[in-house]
Structures are given as structure tokens and as C-alpha cells.
N, C-alpha and C. Protein backbone atom coordinates (compact mmCIF):
# COMPACT_ATOMS: atom_id res chain seq x y z
N MET A 1 83.99 71.99 138.17
CA MET A 1 84.38 73.01 137.69
C MET A 1 83.81 74.23 136.94
N ASP A 2 84.12 75.03 136.98
CA ASP A 2 83.04 76.77 136.60
C ASP A 2 83.51 76.34 134.80
N ALA A 3 82.27 76.55 134.23
CA ALA A 3 82.25 76.96 132.61
C ALA A 3 83.21 78.19 132.29
N PRO A 4 83.89 78.12 131.17
CA PRO A 4 84.37 79.23 130.78
C PRO A 4 84.17 80.48 130.71
N LEU A 5 84.56 81.91 130.75
CA LEU A 5 84.43 82.79 129.74
C LEU A 5 85.01 82.90 129.07
N ILE A 6 84.69 83.63 128.38
CA ILE A 6 85.32 83.71 126.36
C ILE A 6 85.09 85.30 126.22
N ALA A 7 86.18 86.37 125.77
CA ALA A 7 85.77 87.08 125.85
C ALA A 7 86.80 88.07 124.64
N PHE A 8 85.75 88.70 123.81
CA PHE A 8 85.89 89.21 122.75
C PHE A 8 87.01 90.71 122.02
N GLU A 9 87.76 91.21 121.99
CA GLU A 9 88.27 92.67 121.98
C GLU A 9 88.79 93.02 120.60
N GLY A 10 89.17 94.29 120.96
CA GLY A 10 89.47 95.12 119.31
C GLY A 10 89.25 95.93 119.07
N LEU A 11 89.45 97.24 118.60
CA LEU A 11 89.03 98.21 117.59
C LEU A 11 87.27 97.85 117.10
N ASP A 12 86.49 99.49 117.51
CA ASP A 12 85.25 98.91 117.09
C ASP A 12 85.56 98.52 115.20
N GLN A 13 84.46 97.90 115.09
CA GLN A 13 84.55 97.56 113.63
C GLN A 13 85.24 96.43 113.15
N SER A 14 86.18 95.57 114.24
CA SER A 14 86.91 94.70 114.24
C SER A 14 86.11 93.46 113.77
N GLY A 15 84.83 93.22 114.26
CA GLY A 15 83.80 92.23 113.68
C GLY A 15 84.20 91.48 114.96
N LYS A 16 83.68 92.21 116.16
CA LYS A 16 83.67 91.37 117.61
C LYS A 16 82.06 90.78 118.02
N GLU A 17 81.54 91.74 117.54
CA GLU A 17 79.39 91.10 117.57
C GLU A 17 79.20 90.36 116.41
N THR A 18 79.84 89.94 115.15
CA THR A 18 79.79 89.18 114.32
C THR A 18 80.40 87.93 114.93
N GLN A 19 81.88 87.39 115.08
CA GLN A 19 82.24 86.42 115.67
C GLN A 19 81.37 86.13 117.24
N ALA A 20 81.25 86.91 117.59
CA ALA A 20 80.55 86.29 119.30
C ALA A 20 79.42 85.61 119.27
N ALA A 21 78.72 85.97 118.01
CA ALA A 21 77.30 85.65 117.26
C ALA A 21 77.47 84.21 117.20
N ARG A 22 78.80 84.11 115.93
CA ARG A 22 78.90 82.30 115.04
C ARG A 22 79.73 81.96 116.28
N LEU A 23 80.58 81.94 117.09
CA LEU A 23 81.05 81.29 118.57
C LEU A 23 79.71 81.19 119.40
N GLY A 24 79.12 81.92 119.36
CA GLY A 24 77.79 81.04 120.04
C GLY A 24 76.73 80.27 119.90
N GLU A 25 76.90 80.40 118.00
CA GLU A 25 75.65 79.69 117.62
C GLU A 25 76.60 77.95 117.62
N ALA A 26 78.07 77.91 116.96
CA ALA A 26 78.75 76.83 116.88
C ALA A 26 78.75 76.32 118.40
N LEU A 27 78.78 76.97 119.68
CA LEU A 27 78.93 76.18 120.90
C LEU A 27 77.74 75.32 120.84
N ARG A 28 76.61 76.19 120.90
CA ARG A 28 74.69 75.47 121.33
C ARG A 28 74.53 74.65 120.19
N ALA A 29 75.26 75.03 119.11
CA ALA A 29 75.06 73.66 117.92
C ALA A 29 75.94 72.18 118.45
N ALA A 30 77.02 72.50 119.29
CA ALA A 30 77.53 71.75 119.61
C ALA A 30 77.03 71.16 120.97
N GLY A 31 76.15 71.72 121.70
CA GLY A 31 75.33 71.14 122.99
C GLY A 31 76.09 71.84 124.33
N HIS A 32 76.82 73.24 123.91
CA HIS A 32 76.91 73.58 125.19
C HIS A 32 76.20 74.62 125.36
N ARG A 33 75.68 75.52 126.52
CA ARG A 33 74.36 76.34 126.99
C ARG A 33 75.22 77.58 127.07
N VAL A 34 75.14 78.95 126.05
CA VAL A 34 75.70 79.76 126.18
C VAL A 34 74.74 81.09 126.28
N GLU A 35 75.47 81.73 126.97
CA GLU A 35 75.21 83.16 127.30
C GLU A 35 75.86 84.29 126.94
N ARG A 36 75.45 85.54 126.42
CA ARG A 36 75.83 86.33 125.47
C ARG A 36 75.70 87.75 125.94
N LEU A 37 77.15 88.06 126.27
CA LEU A 37 76.48 89.80 126.73
C LEU A 37 77.79 91.05 126.07
N THR A 38 77.16 91.84 125.50
CA THR A 38 78.05 93.15 124.93
C THR A 38 77.76 94.01 126.18
N PHE A 39 79.28 94.54 126.25
CA PHE A 39 79.58 95.84 127.34
C PHE A 39 79.92 96.95 126.39
N PRO A 40 79.88 98.44 126.98
CA PRO A 40 78.71 98.35 128.38
C PRO A 40 77.54 98.25 127.49
N ASP A 41 76.47 97.38 128.46
CA ASP A 41 75.07 97.51 128.70
C ASP A 41 74.30 98.26 128.43
N TYR A 42 73.94 98.76 127.39
CA TYR A 42 73.13 99.94 127.84
C TYR A 42 71.65 100.04 128.44
N GLU A 43 71.09 99.05 129.36
CA GLU A 43 69.87 98.99 129.88
C GLU A 43 69.71 99.56 131.08
N THR A 44 71.18 99.91 132.00
CA THR A 44 71.59 100.19 133.16
C THR A 44 71.17 101.74 133.43
N PRO A 45 71.35 102.72 134.08
CA PRO A 45 71.14 104.18 134.73
C PRO A 45 72.99 104.00 134.18
N ILE A 46 73.80 103.33 134.69
CA ILE A 46 74.99 103.78 135.02
C ILE A 46 75.30 103.89 133.81
N SER A 47 74.83 102.40 132.48
CA SER A 47 75.37 102.97 130.81
C SER A 47 74.87 103.96 130.31
N GLN A 48 73.45 104.44 131.12
CA GLN A 48 73.09 105.65 130.33
C GLN A 48 74.17 106.94 129.99
N GLU A 49 74.86 106.96 131.64
CA GLU A 49 75.88 108.13 131.63
C GLU A 49 77.20 107.61 130.34
N ILE A 50 77.01 106.38 130.56
CA ILE A 50 78.45 106.05 129.67
C ILE A 50 78.03 106.53 128.00
N ALA A 51 76.52 105.88 127.41
CA ALA A 51 76.28 106.51 126.61
C ALA A 51 76.10 108.07 126.35
N ALA A 52 75.50 108.71 127.34
CA ALA A 52 75.44 110.28 126.93
C ALA A 52 76.71 110.80 126.98
N ALA A 53 78.37 110.13 127.32
CA ALA A 53 79.41 110.97 127.17
C ALA A 53 79.77 110.96 125.52
N LEU A 54 79.67 109.03 125.42
CA LEU A 54 80.10 109.22 124.05
C LEU A 54 79.34 110.05 123.01
N ARG A 55 78.14 109.93 123.62
CA ARG A 55 77.49 111.30 122.92
C ARG A 55 78.13 112.42 123.01
N GLY A 56 78.71 112.94 123.40
CA GLY A 56 79.40 114.33 123.83
C GLY A 56 78.75 114.85 124.80
N GLN A 57 77.67 114.28 125.29
CA GLN A 57 76.08 114.81 126.51
C GLN A 57 77.02 114.84 127.24
N ARG A 58 78.01 114.47 128.38
CA ARG A 58 78.55 114.49 129.68
C ARG A 58 80.05 114.36 128.81
N HIS A 59 80.63 114.92 129.80
CA HIS A 59 82.22 115.26 129.98
C HIS A 59 82.79 114.84 130.93
N TYR A 60 82.86 114.06 130.80
CA TYR A 60 83.81 113.15 132.45
C TYR A 60 85.44 113.16 132.06
N PRO A 61 85.99 113.25 132.79
CA PRO A 61 87.18 113.25 132.49
C PRO A 61 87.80 110.93 132.53
N PRO A 62 88.91 110.73 132.21
CA PRO A 62 88.98 109.74 131.51
C PRO A 62 88.61 108.40 132.85
N ASP A 63 89.33 108.51 134.05
CA ASP A 63 89.46 107.87 135.10
C ASP A 63 87.86 107.59 135.73
N VAL A 64 87.36 108.81 135.44
CA VAL A 64 85.20 107.91 135.63
C VAL A 64 84.78 107.95 134.41
N LEU A 65 85.41 107.93 133.57
CA LEU A 65 84.88 107.34 132.46
C LEU A 65 85.19 105.74 132.91
N GLN A 66 86.30 105.18 132.65
CA GLN A 66 86.50 103.93 132.61
C GLN A 66 86.00 103.01 133.93
N LEU A 67 86.05 103.88 135.21
CA LEU A 67 85.52 103.72 136.04
C LEU A 67 83.80 103.29 135.86
N LEU A 68 82.98 104.29 135.14
CA LEU A 68 81.84 103.80 134.37
C LEU A 68 81.76 102.58 133.99
N PHE A 69 82.90 102.36 133.13
CA PHE A 69 82.43 101.20 132.25
C PHE A 69 82.65 100.23 133.03
N ILE A 70 83.31 100.09 134.35
CA ILE A 70 84.07 99.10 135.34
C ILE A 70 82.53 98.90 135.94
N ALA A 71 81.91 99.78 136.63
CA ALA A 71 80.60 100.02 137.33
C ALA A 71 79.82 98.79 136.66
N ASN A 72 79.45 98.97 135.58
CA ASN A 72 78.75 98.86 134.75
C ASN A 72 78.94 96.88 134.57
N ARG A 73 80.09 96.69 134.13
CA ARG A 73 80.46 94.98 134.30
C ARG A 73 80.18 94.55 135.06
N PHE A 74 80.46 95.76 136.44
CA PHE A 74 80.24 94.94 138.20
C PHE A 74 78.96 94.68 138.52
N GLU A 75 77.51 95.79 137.46
CA GLU A 75 76.55 95.38 137.47
C GLU A 75 76.08 93.82 137.30
N PHE A 76 76.73 93.21 136.43
CA PHE A 76 76.39 91.69 135.91
C PHE A 76 77.57 91.01 136.40
N ARG A 77 78.64 91.21 137.15
CA ARG A 77 78.96 90.28 138.20
C ARG A 77 78.08 88.99 138.48
N PRO A 78 77.34 89.32 139.45
CA PRO A 78 76.02 87.80 139.90
C PRO A 78 75.91 87.56 138.90
N ARG A 79 74.83 87.88 137.76
CA ARG A 79 74.71 87.27 136.53
C ARG A 79 75.98 86.00 136.34
N ILE A 80 76.89 86.59 135.71
CA ILE A 80 78.02 85.68 135.25
C ILE A 80 78.61 84.87 136.00
N GLU A 81 78.98 85.31 137.03
CA GLU A 81 79.34 84.17 137.90
C GLU A 81 78.16 83.00 138.31
N GLY A 82 77.05 83.42 138.15
CA GLY A 82 75.74 82.65 138.31
C GLY A 82 75.93 81.60 136.90
N TRP A 83 76.26 82.33 135.81
CA TRP A 83 76.09 81.42 134.64
C TRP A 83 77.08 80.63 134.51
N VAL A 84 78.35 80.59 134.96
CA VAL A 84 79.35 79.95 135.21
C VAL A 84 79.52 78.58 136.01
N ARG A 85 78.95 78.99 136.91
CA ARG A 85 78.36 78.06 138.26
C ARG A 85 77.61 76.94 137.23
N GLU A 86 76.63 77.49 136.53
CA GLU A 86 75.93 76.46 136.20
C GLU A 86 76.05 75.74 134.71
N GLY A 87 77.29 76.22 134.01
CA GLY A 87 78.05 75.25 133.35
C GLY A 87 77.55 76.14 131.85
N ALA A 88 77.14 77.25 132.03
CA ALA A 88 76.76 78.26 130.92
C ALA A 88 78.99 78.34 130.26
N VAL A 89 78.70 78.65 129.01
CA VAL A 89 79.85 79.35 128.60
C VAL A 89 79.32 80.55 127.92
N VAL A 90 80.18 81.60 129.10
CA VAL A 90 79.73 83.07 128.95
C VAL A 90 80.72 83.69 127.81
N ILE A 91 80.18 84.44 126.81
CA ILE A 91 80.82 85.29 125.86
C ILE A 91 80.32 86.30 125.48
N CYS A 92 81.55 87.61 125.69
CA CYS A 92 81.42 88.89 126.15
C CYS A 92 81.74 89.68 124.51
N ASP A 93 81.31 90.80 123.88
CA ASP A 93 81.47 91.20 123.34
C ASP A 93 82.17 92.85 124.38
N ARG A 94 83.47 92.70 124.00
CA ARG A 94 83.97 93.89 125.31
C ARG A 94 84.31 93.55 126.68
N TYR A 95 85.36 93.31 127.46
CA TYR A 95 85.50 93.39 128.87
C TYR A 95 86.37 93.90 129.30
N LEU A 96 87.12 93.04 130.20
CA LEU A 96 87.82 93.81 130.88
C LEU A 96 88.68 94.90 130.13
N ALA A 97 89.64 93.93 129.18
CA ALA A 97 90.51 94.67 128.53
C ALA A 97 90.89 96.22 127.83
N SER A 98 89.11 96.13 127.57
CA SER A 98 88.68 96.86 126.82
C SER A 98 89.27 98.41 127.41
N SER A 99 88.29 98.29 129.17
CA SER A 99 88.86 98.98 129.81
C SER A 99 90.65 99.62 129.86
N ILE A 100 91.02 98.71 130.04
CA ILE A 100 92.46 98.91 129.74
C ILE A 100 93.14 99.43 128.67
N ALA A 101 92.93 99.50 127.36
CA ALA A 101 93.18 100.04 126.57
C ALA A 101 93.07 101.16 126.11
N TYR A 102 91.91 101.16 126.65
CA TYR A 102 91.08 103.04 126.48
C TYR A 102 91.71 103.59 127.18
N GLY A 103 91.82 103.11 128.59
CA GLY A 103 92.41 104.03 129.92
C GLY A 103 93.63 104.91 129.40
N GLU A 104 94.75 103.07 129.11
CA GLU A 104 95.76 103.59 128.79
C GLU A 104 96.33 104.01 127.83
N ALA A 105 95.52 104.62 126.50
CA ALA A 105 95.46 105.20 125.63
C ALA A 105 94.88 106.49 125.95
N GLN A 106 94.30 107.31 126.93
CA GLN A 106 94.13 108.24 127.67
C GLN A 106 94.97 108.64 129.30
N GLY A 107 96.17 107.76 128.80
CA GLY A 107 96.75 108.08 129.82
C GLY A 107 97.02 107.66 130.88
N LEU A 108 95.91 106.98 131.75
CA LEU A 108 95.94 106.34 132.91
C LEU A 108 96.73 104.75 132.96
N ASP A 109 96.74 105.05 134.33
CA ASP A 109 97.77 103.62 134.68
C ASP A 109 97.11 102.30 134.28
N PRO A 110 98.00 101.64 133.11
CA PRO A 110 97.08 100.03 133.28
C PRO A 110 97.10 99.51 134.29
N ALA A 111 98.04 98.82 135.32
CA ALA A 111 97.86 98.17 136.25
C ALA A 111 96.87 98.08 137.56
N TRP A 112 96.75 99.81 137.74
CA TRP A 112 95.42 100.96 137.97
C TRP A 112 94.36 100.47 137.81
N LEU A 113 94.02 99.86 136.26
CA LEU A 113 92.98 99.56 135.81
C LEU A 113 92.40 98.23 135.47
N ALA A 114 93.45 97.26 136.00
CA ALA A 114 93.44 95.92 135.65
C ALA A 114 93.27 95.17 137.26
N GLU A 115 93.89 96.05 138.22
CA GLU A 115 93.66 96.17 139.86
C GLU A 115 92.38 96.22 140.02
N THR A 116 91.31 97.66 139.46
CA THR A 116 90.07 97.68 139.82
C THR A 116 88.80 96.59 139.09
N GLN A 117 89.72 95.91 138.48
CA GLN A 117 88.38 94.86 137.46
C GLN A 117 88.81 93.43 138.52
N ARG A 118 89.83 93.35 139.04
CA ARG A 118 90.14 91.82 139.40
C ARG A 118 89.14 90.99 140.08
N LEU A 119 88.13 91.66 140.88
CA LEU A 119 86.84 91.20 141.29
C LEU A 119 85.89 90.59 140.59
N LEU A 120 86.13 90.71 139.44
CA LEU A 120 85.11 90.62 138.33
C LEU A 120 85.99 89.40 138.31
N PRO A 121 84.71 88.25 136.82
CA PRO A 121 84.90 86.74 136.83
C PRO A 121 86.23 87.43 135.48
N GLN A 122 87.52 86.52 135.31
CA GLN A 122 88.29 86.97 134.47
C GLN A 122 87.82 85.76 133.46
N PRO A 123 88.48 86.40 132.40
CA PRO A 123 88.32 85.36 131.07
C PRO A 123 88.84 84.03 131.09
N SER A 124 88.51 83.61 130.42
CA SER A 124 89.29 82.19 130.34
C SER A 124 90.07 82.49 128.95
N LEU A 125 89.62 82.97 128.08
CA LEU A 125 90.49 82.82 126.38
C LEU A 125 89.75 84.43 126.40
N THR A 126 90.43 85.57 125.54
CA THR A 126 90.74 86.32 125.13
C THR A 126 91.09 86.68 123.78
N LEU A 127 90.32 86.73 122.94
CA LEU A 127 90.13 86.75 121.58
C LEU A 127 90.53 88.59 121.08
N LEU A 128 92.17 88.57 120.65
CA LEU A 128 91.43 90.07 120.13
C LEU A 128 91.63 90.19 118.55
N LEU A 129 90.40 90.77 117.77
CA LEU A 129 90.69 91.08 116.54
C LEU A 129 91.12 92.26 116.19
N ASP A 130 92.59 91.52 115.15
CA ASP A 130 92.71 93.00 115.71
C ASP A 130 92.95 93.62 113.89
N ILE A 131 92.55 95.22 114.04
CA ILE A 131 92.75 96.14 112.88
C ILE A 131 93.45 96.97 113.06
N ALA A 132 93.49 97.60 111.80
CA ALA A 132 94.09 98.93 111.90
C ALA A 132 92.92 100.05 112.19
N PRO A 133 93.60 101.09 112.88
CA PRO A 133 92.57 102.49 113.17
C PRO A 133 92.09 102.39 111.29
N GLU A 134 92.73 102.86 110.55
CA GLU A 134 91.87 103.10 109.71
C GLU A 134 90.94 102.16 108.71
N THR A 135 91.59 100.72 108.80
CA THR A 135 90.00 99.99 108.76
C THR A 135 89.21 100.01 109.48
N ALA A 136 89.33 100.75 110.96
CA ALA A 136 88.23 100.55 111.87
C ALA A 136 86.87 101.89 111.03
N VAL A 137 87.36 103.15 110.94
CA VAL A 137 87.14 104.21 110.28
C VAL A 137 86.85 103.75 108.69
N ARG A 138 87.18 103.34 107.91
CA ARG A 138 86.27 102.68 106.80
C ARG A 138 85.50 101.97 106.90
N ARG A 139 85.24 100.82 107.44
CA ARG A 139 83.92 100.28 107.53
C ARG A 139 82.82 100.91 108.36
N LYS A 140 83.31 101.66 109.16
CA LYS A 140 81.90 102.64 109.80
C LYS A 140 82.33 104.33 109.40
N ALA A 141 81.88 104.82 108.06
CA ALA A 141 82.51 106.02 107.56
C ALA A 141 81.61 107.32 108.61
N ALA A 142 80.27 106.71 108.97
CA ALA A 142 79.09 107.51 109.75
C ALA A 142 78.69 107.03 111.28
N GLY A 143 78.31 108.17 111.81
CA GLY A 143 77.69 107.82 113.26
C GLY A 143 78.73 107.35 114.09
N ARG A 144 79.67 107.29 114.07
CA ARG A 144 80.82 107.54 114.57
C ARG A 144 80.81 108.31 116.10
N ASP A 145 81.40 107.52 117.40
CA ASP A 145 81.26 107.99 118.60
C ASP A 145 83.06 108.35 118.40
N ARG A 146 82.84 109.18 119.93
CA ARG A 146 84.45 110.44 119.93
C ARG A 146 84.97 109.38 119.92
N PHE A 147 85.11 108.54 120.48
CA PHE A 147 86.64 107.25 120.25
C PHE A 147 86.58 107.36 119.25
N GLU A 148 85.61 106.79 118.18
CA GLU A 148 85.74 106.01 117.12
C GLU A 148 86.48 107.27 116.01
N ARG A 149 86.32 108.79 116.36
CA ARG A 149 86.58 109.80 115.61
C ARG A 149 88.14 110.03 115.82
N ASP A 150 88.63 109.45 116.70
CA ASP A 150 90.09 109.81 116.78
C ASP A 150 91.10 109.28 116.15
N LEU A 151 91.46 109.01 115.14
CA LEU A 151 92.83 108.13 114.78
C LEU A 151 93.90 107.88 115.82
N ALA A 152 94.38 108.88 116.22
CA ALA A 152 95.70 108.70 117.20
C ALA A 152 95.60 108.05 118.01
N LEU A 153 94.11 107.85 118.58
CA LEU A 153 93.65 107.45 120.05
C LEU A 153 93.15 105.72 119.75
N LEU A 154 92.98 105.58 118.81
CA LEU A 154 92.70 104.52 118.34
C LEU A 154 94.13 103.71 118.02
N ALA A 155 95.21 104.01 117.43
CA ALA A 155 96.37 103.60 117.22
C ALA A 155 97.10 103.29 118.69
N ARG A 156 96.60 104.44 119.90
CA ARG A 156 96.90 103.97 121.21
C ARG A 156 96.27 102.89 121.57
N VAL A 157 95.26 102.52 121.16
CA VAL A 157 94.42 101.49 122.25
C VAL A 157 94.85 100.28 121.05
N ARG A 158 95.15 100.43 120.43
CA ARG A 158 95.58 98.98 119.14
C ARG A 158 97.03 99.20 120.36
N GLU A 159 97.62 99.71 120.40
CA GLU A 159 98.95 99.46 121.10
C GLU A 159 99.23 98.57 122.16
N SER A 160 98.11 99.17 123.30
CA SER A 160 97.77 98.86 124.06
C SER A 160 97.02 96.86 124.28
N TYR A 161 96.09 96.94 123.44
CA TYR A 161 95.55 95.46 123.10
C TYR A 161 96.59 94.62 122.53
N LEU A 162 97.67 95.00 122.02
CA LEU A 162 98.52 94.44 121.45
C LEU A 162 99.88 94.00 122.70
N ARG A 163 100.21 94.50 123.51
CA ARG A 163 100.56 94.64 124.65
C ARG A 163 100.14 93.60 125.12
N GLN A 164 98.67 93.96 125.77
CA GLN A 164 98.47 92.87 126.37
C GLN A 164 97.74 91.15 125.89
N ALA A 165 97.82 91.76 124.61
CA ALA A 165 97.33 89.84 123.51
C ALA A 165 98.45 89.03 123.59
N THR A 166 100.33 89.72 124.71
CA THR A 166 101.06 88.64 125.31
C THR A 166 100.64 87.52 126.07
N HIS A 167 99.91 88.26 126.96
CA HIS A 167 99.46 87.31 128.13
C HIS A 167 98.96 85.28 127.28
N PRO A 168 99.11 84.43 127.91
CA PRO A 168 99.18 83.44 127.87
C PRO A 168 97.62 83.29 127.40
N SER A 169 97.00 83.74 128.39
CA SER A 169 95.31 83.85 127.84
C SER A 169 94.53 83.86 126.58
N TRP A 170 95.26 84.93 126.24
CA TRP A 170 95.32 86.01 124.76
C TRP A 170 95.21 85.25 123.62
N CYS A 171 94.38 85.49 122.79
CA CYS A 171 94.83 84.84 121.22
C CYS A 171 94.70 86.11 120.12
N ARG A 172 95.63 86.30 119.78
CA ARG A 172 95.43 87.24 118.61
C ARG A 172 95.41 86.58 117.36
N LEU A 173 93.77 87.79 116.32
CA LEU A 173 93.89 87.24 115.42
C LEU A 173 94.10 88.30 114.16
N ASP A 174 94.23 88.04 112.98
CA ASP A 174 94.03 89.07 111.95
C ASP A 174 92.55 89.23 111.47
N GLY A 175 91.86 90.29 112.14
CA GLY A 175 90.46 91.02 111.87
C GLY A 175 89.97 91.16 110.71
N GLU A 176 91.44 91.67 109.94
CA GLU A 176 91.56 92.04 108.40
C GLU A 176 90.88 91.07 107.35
N ARG A 177 90.81 89.68 107.48
CA ARG A 177 90.84 88.89 106.35
C ARG A 177 88.95 88.86 106.24
N PRO A 178 88.75 88.46 105.56
CA PRO A 178 87.18 87.43 105.19
C PRO A 178 86.46 87.01 106.99
N PRO A 179 85.66 87.05 107.46
CA PRO A 179 85.00 86.70 108.43
C PRO A 179 85.17 85.74 108.18
N GLU A 180 84.53 84.76 107.13
CA GLU A 180 84.86 83.08 107.61
C GLU A 180 86.23 82.68 107.65
N ALA A 181 87.41 83.03 107.69
CA ALA A 181 88.72 82.93 107.60
C ALA A 181 89.05 83.25 109.27
N VAL A 182 88.38 84.15 109.71
CA VAL A 182 88.60 84.55 111.30
C VAL A 182 87.68 83.80 111.66
N ALA A 183 86.06 83.42 111.58
CA ALA A 183 85.86 82.16 112.34
C ALA A 183 86.54 80.94 112.48
N ALA A 184 87.06 80.49 111.29
CA ALA A 184 87.94 79.53 111.46
C ALA A 184 89.08 78.95 112.14
N ASP A 185 89.72 80.33 112.75
CA ASP A 185 90.53 80.28 113.48
C ASP A 185 90.61 80.99 114.84
N ILE A 186 89.04 81.53 115.00
CA ILE A 186 88.42 80.98 116.72
C ILE A 186 88.00 80.18 116.70
N THR A 187 87.24 79.24 115.74
CA THR A 187 87.01 77.53 116.32
C THR A 187 88.36 76.67 116.83
N ALA A 188 89.61 76.56 115.76
CA ALA A 188 90.64 76.67 116.23
C ALA A 188 90.76 76.89 117.75
N ALA A 189 90.95 77.88 118.13
CA ALA A 189 91.81 78.47 119.11
C ALA A 189 90.86 78.07 120.19
N VAL A 190 89.74 78.65 120.11
CA VAL A 190 88.42 77.38 121.52
C VAL A 190 89.03 75.91 121.52
N ARG A 191 88.90 75.59 120.65
CA ARG A 191 89.05 74.12 120.24
C ARG A 191 90.76 73.30 121.11
N ALA A 192 91.36 74.55 120.62
CA ALA A 192 92.91 74.31 121.34
C ALA A 192 93.07 74.47 122.96
N ARG A 193 92.21 75.72 122.78
CA ARG A 193 92.76 76.19 124.40
C ARG A 193 91.75 75.65 125.62
N LEU A 194 90.72 75.77 125.33
CA LEU A 194 89.61 75.20 126.34
C LEU A 194 89.29 73.83 125.72
N GLY A 195 88.75 72.91 125.30
CA GLY A 195 88.22 72.32 124.62
C GLY A 195 87.09 71.56 123.93
N LEU A 196 86.74 72.74 123.84
CA LEU A 196 85.07 72.81 123.46
C LEU A 196 84.97 72.95 121.37
N LEU A 197 84.19 72.35 121.18
CA LEU A 197 84.16 72.27 119.37
C LEU A 197 84.52 71.12 119.23
């Protein structure tokens, strides 16, 4: 049986990177092989286009931009499939749901965004670190990209995440709390849902 793929989702500054790292350390300490990815992965030519768009140096319509994000994930599909076959727990900081949330917030069809990603490895568990848009802005006062500066957009992104989080393979966590409390809930969810830790 393939090893699980765990995705962290949420607005920027919700603690995804911190909690993904903590979970990875806990799983390694428990004897599991762990591989981590952050999307977009800025090491590829496709992701360089994404970075330029987020800096305002390229101007793609929402559907093209989300297809770039999705293509960046497809670049890593063989690697992810190989890892889970070999028994490694894969942890992704942002994954499929990000394109659905940000795309839907910009008027794209969420069903189309999900279908476009159907052939990517699907998460066994998606952990939503839920914070208010105002919290995201407060936690990162400078250097925000064009998505991070748009409070109305972030509110719509959060609405999409909350809608997606009704799926049985999701777990919504209150990301407004101290990191230690969030980490404890993540450990409990991974233990209960996946039998790890």
C-alpha cells in the first residue's frame, strides 16, 4: 500500500511552513521516511513565470495563472508517485486545493480546477490552517505579493477553503492559536486519520 500524502492548506501566514516542518520532524522521530515539497516550487522554468506574475512583472488571466500552478505540480508528479510507492510520507505545503481556492476566488469554475488536477496524486489528508484575512495581513506587514495585498480576494479564498474542508479527507484547524496548540491538534489528526504517530 502506498504511503500517505499530507497537504497543508490555508492563507499565507497561517503557519503552513512551520507546521509542515514540525510534522515532518515528528514523523521522522517516529521512524518514518518523510519527503517535503512546497508549491509553487521555484526551481523550475514554469515556476519562474509564476514568480514573475506574483511580482506583477507578467500579466496572465486567472485561468492561465492557475494552469501554471497546476503544471508546476505535474512537474513533480513522477517524484511524488515514486516516493509514496517507496513508503515515504509526502508532506506538501500547498497543493491541489490552493488552485481551487485562489481560482474560485477569481471567478473560475472549481469543478474544472479539480478535474484538471485529477491525475495528480491525491492527498490522504488535507490540513486546513484557518485564519482570518486580517490575521494574514497583520502577520506579514511588508513584502506581500499581489494576492496577499487583496483582503477581499483573501476573504473569498477562505470561503472556498471552508467549503472544500467539508470533505471527509479534510481537517480544519484554528490557525489563530499558538503554534504549539495547532501542532498538538495536527498530531492528533494524523494519528486518528492515518494511524501515524
